[in-house]
Amino acid sequence: MGALQPYDLSNLSPEDCWFLFMRRAFGHQEEINPDLEAIEKEIVKKCGGVPLAAKTLGGLLRFKREEREWENVRDSEI
């Protein structure tokens, strides 16, 4: 039995990364707090297109709606 060659995944586009993050953070919720929008963009930028980062940070913030909580994630060294 031979070894399989690794498959390199590329990073997501900024739009796809944003979409993945938003789905995890807000689900299908239509109304989003406008105060979180600027913070959300900075967090998504921090993900660098890595799907696992977008899913993890979005999931971490799923039930957090306070600006302070989002700022803590944005300002962290993750």
Protein backbone atom coordinates (compact mmCIF):
# COMPACT_ATOMS: atom_id res chain seq x y z
CA MET A 1 0.00 0.00 0.00
CA GLY A 2 1.47 3.37 -1.02
CA ALA A 3 1.45 6.62 0.87
CA LEU A 4 -0.92 9.35 -0.23
CA GLN A 5 0.45 12.68 -1.28
CA PRO A 6 -0.56 15.59 0.98
CA TYR A 7 -3.10 18.00 -0.39
CA ASP A 8 -2.32 21.64 0.30
CA LEU A 9 -5.34 23.78 1.00
CA SER A 10 -5.23 27.42 0.01
CA ASN A 11 -6.51 30.25 2.19
CA LEU A 12 -10.03 31.56 1.79
CA SER A 13 -10.69 34.81 -0.01
CA PRO A 14 -11.44 37.72 2.34
CA GLU A 15 -15.13 37.51 1.36
CA ASP A 16 -15.37 33.77 2.01
CA CYS A 17 -13.51 34.12 5.31
CA TRP A 18 -15.93 36.86 6.34
CA PHE A 19 -18.93 34.74 5.34
CA LEU A 20 -17.69 31.71 7.30
CA PHE A 21 -16.95 33.84 10.38
CA MET A 22 -20.36 35.54 10.22
CA ARG A 23 -22.23 32.24 9.88
CA ARG A 24 -20.48 30.90 12.98
CA ALA A 25 -20.84 34.11 14.98
CA PHE A 26 -24.43 34.97 14.08
CA GLY A 27 -25.97 31.86 12.51
CA HIS A 28 -28.92 32.86 10.37
CA GLN A 29 -29.64 35.98 12.40
CA GLU A 30 -30.48 38.81 10.03
CA GLU A 31 -30.00 41.77 12.34
CA ILE A 32 -26.43 42.48 13.42
CA ASN A 33 -25.36 45.08 15.96
CA PRO A 34 -23.73 47.87 13.90
CA ASP A 35 -21.31 48.56 16.77
CA LEU A 36 -19.78 45.12 16.20
CA GLU A 37 -19.24 45.58 12.44
CA ALA A 38 -15.93 47.44 12.65
CA ILE A 39 -14.62 45.02 15.26
CA GLU A 40 -15.80 42.03 13.22
CA LYS A 41 -13.89 43.23 10.15
CA GLU A 42 -10.68 43.47 12.16
CA ILE A 43 -11.17 39.99 13.63
CA VAL A 44 -11.77 38.50 10.17
CA LYS A 45 -8.63 40.21 8.88
CA LYS A 46 -6.74 38.63 11.77
CA CYS A 47 -7.90 35.17 10.58
CA GLY A 48 -5.78 35.60 7.45
CA GLY A 49 -8.09 33.44 5.33
CA VAL A 50 -7.55 30.35 7.49
CA PRO A 51 -10.91 28.53 7.70
CA LEU A 52 -10.23 26.96 11.09
CA ALA A 53 -9.43 30.38 12.57
CA ALA A 54 -12.63 31.90 11.15
CA LYS A 55 -14.77 29.03 12.44
CA THR A 56 -13.13 28.99 15.86
CA LEU A 57 -13.29 32.73 16.50
CA GLY A 58 -16.82 32.96 15.11
CA GLY A 59 -17.90 30.10 17.37
CA LEU A 60 -16.21 31.71 20.35
CA LEU A 61 -18.23 34.88 19.81
CA ARG A 62 -21.52 33.19 18.87
CA PHE A 63 -23.38 34.10 22.06
CA LYS A 64 -21.40 37.21 22.98
CA ARG A 65 -22.97 40.50 22.01
CA GLU A 66 -21.06 42.99 24.16
CA GLU A 67 -18.52 45.18 22.37
CA ARG A 68 -16.04 44.58 25.18
CA GLU A 69 -16.11 40.82 24.57
CA TRP A 70 -15.46 41.28 20.85
CA GLU A 71 -12.70 43.82 21.53
CA ASN A 72 -10.99 41.31 23.83
CA VAL A 73 -10.83 38.78 20.98
CA ARG A 74 -9.71 41.45 18.50
CA ASP A 75 -6.94 42.64 20.82
CA SER A 76 -5.76 39.20 21.91
CA GLU A 77 -2.61 37.57 20.63
CA ILE A 78 -4.48 34.59 19.17
